[in-house]
Protein backbone atom coordinates (compact mmCIF):
# COMPACT_ATOMS: atom_id res chain seq x y z
CA MET A 1 31.63 -22.39 -39.54
CA ASP A 2 29.74 -19.77 -41.29
CA LYS A 3 26.20 -21.23 -41.83
CA SER A 4 25.16 -18.38 -44.07
CA PRO A 5 25.43 -20.27 -47.49
CA LEU A 6 23.33 -23.12 -45.86
CA VAL A 7 20.63 -20.64 -44.72
CA LEU A 8 20.46 -19.12 -48.06
CA LEU A 9 20.33 -22.37 -49.84
CA ASP A 10 17.31 -23.27 -47.63
CA LEU A 11 15.57 -19.76 -48.43
CA VAL A 12 16.18 -20.31 -52.05
CA SER A 13 14.82 -23.81 -51.93
CA ARG A 14 11.86 -22.72 -50.07
CA LEU A 15 11.23 -19.85 -52.43
CA GLY A 16 11.68 -22.16 -55.41
CA ASN A 17 8.88 -24.45 -53.97
CA LEU A 18 6.59 -21.53 -53.32
CA MET A 19 6.95 -20.32 -56.78
CA ARG A 20 6.55 -23.67 -58.16
CA THR A 21 3.22 -23.91 -56.16
CA GLU A 22 2.04 -20.65 -57.54
CA GLY A 23 2.93 -21.72 -60.97
CA ARG A 24 0.47 -24.68 -60.48
CA ARG A 25 -2.03 -22.41 -59.21
CA VAL A 26 -1.66 -19.95 -62.00
CA GLY A 27 -2.00 -22.89 -64.64
CA GLN A 28 -4.83 -24.76 -62.92
CA ASP A 29 -7.65 -23.29 -65.05
CA GLU A 30 -5.62 -24.41 -68.39
CA GLN A 31 -4.69 -27.63 -66.65
CA LEU A 32 -0.89 -26.66 -66.91
CA GLN A 33 1.68 -27.60 -64.47
CA SER A 34 4.25 -25.32 -63.23
CA VAL A 35 6.87 -26.42 -65.84
CA HIS A 36 4.41 -25.50 -68.59
CA VAL A 37 3.95 -21.79 -67.08
CA GLU A 38 7.64 -21.53 -66.53
CA ALA A 39 8.14 -22.81 -70.29
CA LEU A 40 5.76 -19.98 -71.38
CA VAL A 41 7.56 -17.38 -69.20
CA TYR A 42 10.79 -18.38 -70.60
CA LEU A 43 9.65 -18.07 -74.31
CA SER A 44 8.36 -14.57 -73.45
CA LYS A 45 11.77 -13.72 -72.45
CA ALA A 46 14.00 -15.55 -74.98
CA ASN A 47 15.92 -13.95 -77.79
CA ARG A 48 16.02 -15.39 -81.16
CA TYR A 49 19.07 -17.38 -80.52
CA SER A 50 17.54 -19.00 -77.21
CA ASN A 51 14.10 -20.08 -78.66
CA THR A 52 14.67 -23.57 -79.47
CA PRO A 53 13.70 -26.78 -77.55
CA GLN A 54 17.20 -27.37 -76.29
CA ALA A 55 17.61 -24.13 -75.04
CA LEU A 56 14.33 -24.37 -73.12
CA ALA A 57 15.26 -27.78 -71.66
CA GLU A 58 18.70 -26.45 -70.54
CA TYR A 59 17.14 -23.16 -69.10
CA LEU A 60 14.72 -24.96 -67.04
CA GLY A 61 17.00 -27.77 -66.18
CA VAL A 62 14.96 -30.53 -67.48
CA THR A 63 15.59 -33.47 -69.65
CA LYS A 64 14.88 -33.05 -73.57
CA GLY A 65 11.90 -35.61 -72.97
CA THR A 66 10.35 -33.45 -70.55
CA ALA A 67 10.80 -30.54 -72.51
CA SER A 68 9.44 -32.20 -75.60
CA GLN A 69 6.38 -33.43 -73.87
CA SER A 70 5.59 -29.85 -72.38
CA LEU A 71 5.97 -28.22 -75.77
CA LEU A 72 3.62 -30.86 -77.35
CA LEU A 73 0.95 -30.11 -74.73
CA LEU A 74 1.61 -26.38 -75.08
CA ASP A 75 1.41 -26.62 -78.77
CA ARG A 76 -1.91 -28.74 -78.74
CA ARG A 77 -3.42 -26.03 -76.39
CA GLY A 78 -2.63 -23.62 -79.03
CA LEU A 79 -0.36 -21.50 -76.36
CA ILE A 80 2.87 -21.73 -78.61
CA GLU A 81 3.66 -22.00 -82.34
CA ARG A 82 6.66 -23.95 -83.80
CA TYR A 83 8.18 -22.69 -86.85
CA GLN A 84 11.58 -23.41 -89.12
CA ASP A 85 14.69 -21.40 -88.79
CA ASP A 86 14.96 -19.34 -91.91
CA LEU A 87 18.47 -20.09 -92.27
CA ASP A 88 18.88 -23.65 -91.13
CA ARG A 89 15.61 -25.49 -91.86
CA ARG A 90 16.79 -28.38 -89.53
CA VAL A 91 16.20 -26.08 -86.51
CA VAL A 92 12.98 -25.89 -84.94
CA ARG A 93 12.07 -22.24 -83.28
CA LEU A 94 9.46 -21.60 -80.73
CA ARG A 95 7.11 -18.62 -79.91
CA LEU A 96 4.16 -17.77 -77.96
CA ALA A 97 0.78 -17.88 -79.78
CA ALA A 98 -1.44 -14.87 -79.14
CA THR A 99 -3.31 -17.17 -76.75
CA GLY A 100 -0.10 -18.04 -74.89
CA GLU A 101 0.73 -14.07 -74.59
CA GLN A 102 -3.09 -13.45 -73.40
CA PHE A 103 -2.58 -16.36 -70.94
CA LEU A 104 0.51 -14.59 -69.40
CA TYR A 105 -1.08 -11.35 -69.38
CA ASP A 106 -4.30 -12.73 -67.88
CA ALA A 107 -2.42 -15.16 -65.16
CA GLN A 108 0.44 -12.58 -64.62
CA PRO A 109 2.50 -15.37 -62.42
CA GLN A 110 5.01 -12.67 -61.41
CA LEU A 111 2.37 -10.85 -59.35
CA ALA A 112 2.83 -13.18 -56.23
CA TRP A 113 6.59 -12.33 -56.23
CA GLN A 114 5.89 -8.79 -56.45
CA HIS A 115 3.50 -8.65 -53.93
CA ALA A 116 5.85 -10.72 -51.58
CA THR A 117 8.52 -8.16 -52.15
CA ARG A 118 6.32 -5.19 -51.64
CA ASN A 119 8.05 -4.07 -48.36
CA ILE A 120 11.71 -4.40 -49.53
CA SER A 121 13.36 -1.25 -50.84
CA PRO A 122 14.40 -1.50 -54.66
CA ASN A 123 18.23 -1.17 -53.65
CA ARG A 124 17.93 -4.22 -51.28
CA ILE A 125 16.22 -6.11 -54.33
CA ARG A 126 18.88 -5.07 -56.73
CA ASN A 127 21.75 -6.27 -54.32
CA ALA A 128 19.94 -9.60 -53.68
CA VAL A 129 19.33 -10.09 -57.28
CA SER A 130 23.19 -9.36 -58.09
CA ALA A 131 24.31 -11.77 -55.47
CA LEU A 132 21.77 -14.49 -56.58
CA ARG A 133 22.57 -14.08 -60.29
CA GLU A 134 26.32 -14.36 -59.48
CA THR A 135 25.64 -17.55 -57.49
CA LEU A 136 23.69 -19.02 -60.25
CA THR A 137 26.23 -18.21 -62.93
CA THR A 138 29.05 -19.81 -60.94
CA PHE A 139 26.97 -22.81 -60.38
CA GLN A 140 26.03 -23.13 -63.94
CA LEU A 141 29.61 -22.67 -65.11
CA ASP A 142 31.01 -25.06 -62.42
CA ASN A 143 28.61 -27.67 -63.84
CA GLU A 144 29.26 -26.79 -67.39
CA GLY A 145 25.89 -25.38 -67.86
CA THR A 146 24.83 -22.21 -69.52
CA ALA A 147 24.61 -19.04 -67.74
CA PHE A 148 21.81 -17.32 -69.90
CA GLY A 149 21.55 -13.72 -69.17
CA GLU A 150 20.47 -10.59 -70.75
CA CYS A 151 21.95 -9.39 -73.97
CA ALA A 152 23.22 -5.91 -72.76
CA GLY A 153 25.20 -7.53 -70.01
CA CYS A 154 27.04 -9.89 -72.44
CA GLN A 155 30.74 -9.48 -73.54
CA HIS A 156 29.62 -9.61 -77.12
CA PHE A 157 27.01 -6.96 -76.84
CA GLU A 158 28.24 -3.88 -78.97
CA ARG A 159 26.70 -0.53 -78.97
CA LEU A 160 27.08 1.08 -82.52
CA SER A 161 25.31 4.13 -81.63
CA ALA A 162 22.82 5.62 -79.36
CA ARG A 163 19.99 3.13 -80.63
CA ALA A 164 21.85 0.72 -82.72
CA TYR A 165 23.27 -2.34 -81.24
CA ARG A 166 25.02 -5.90 -82.52
CA CYS A 167 25.82 -9.14 -81.49
CA GLY A 168 29.55 -9.51 -81.74
CA LEU A 169 29.52 -13.24 -81.79
CA MET A 170 26.70 -13.72 -84.29
CA GLY A 171 27.26 -10.42 -86.20
CA ASP A 172 23.69 -9.50 -86.11
CA ARG A 173 21.89 -6.26 -85.50
CA LEU A 174 19.88 -6.36 -82.36
CA SER A 175 16.94 -3.76 -81.56
CA GLY A 176 16.54 -2.07 -78.16
CA PRO A 177 14.04 -4.81 -77.24
CA ASP A 178 16.34 -7.60 -78.30
CA THR A 179 18.90 -6.36 -75.93
CA ARG A 180 16.52 -6.89 -72.90
CA LYS A 181 15.97 -10.60 -73.96
CA ILE A 182 17.69 -13.50 -72.34
CA CYS A 183 20.16 -15.51 -74.47
CA TRP A 184 21.75 -18.73 -73.89
CA LEU A 185 24.96 -17.67 -75.94
CA TYR A 186 25.52 -15.17 -73.05
CA GLU A 187 28.98 -14.64 -71.66
CA GLU A 188 29.16 -12.33 -68.78
CA LYS A 189 31.64 -9.27 -69.41
CA GLY A 190 34.97 -10.06 -68.09
CA SER A 191 34.39 -13.71 -67.56
CA GLY A 192 37.32 -14.77 -69.61
CA VAL A 193 35.18 -17.40 -71.09
CA GLY A 194 35.70 -17.54 -74.99
CA GLU A 195 38.16 -14.65 -74.79
CA GLY A 196 41.18 -15.11 -76.91
CA GLU A 197 39.57 -17.41 -79.42
């Protein structure tokens, strides 16, 4: 029996635990738990379709109640801002406040990861990222979850010209920075999900 998948699962679990510990360390001065830091990091990467409490809860794999309590704390600390959607006033949108952006800039939670991977070639990191992303996407889809992914890798992404893009699903134009954000409407190119509808 090939034990590689079990070894990989153990390694991913241990890395996750270490990264959560690092998240607690990064947030300790602000008395933030790792879930709060993860929420801030998510909001820094989420596109305009994905900056809702529901998308945050799904991305972090927490209950709506846990997400709500985390957002209340972040809001009270002035790290995030809530606002109503321009088109649907019932929808609450989230964004980092200037203090939240400054916190992430100062804390740089990704530094521990960058330091830990400093001796690994960029090509090996890309291959590992690709394999883990594929595993994560399959796991999420098998469990009726949302894949999340960068806009430019989505089957709905349309390049209109060298610097003009559009979301084919929503019909909205996208800027260059938009295409590098993550989206919960993401469907991997060639996945077959949503095709033929």
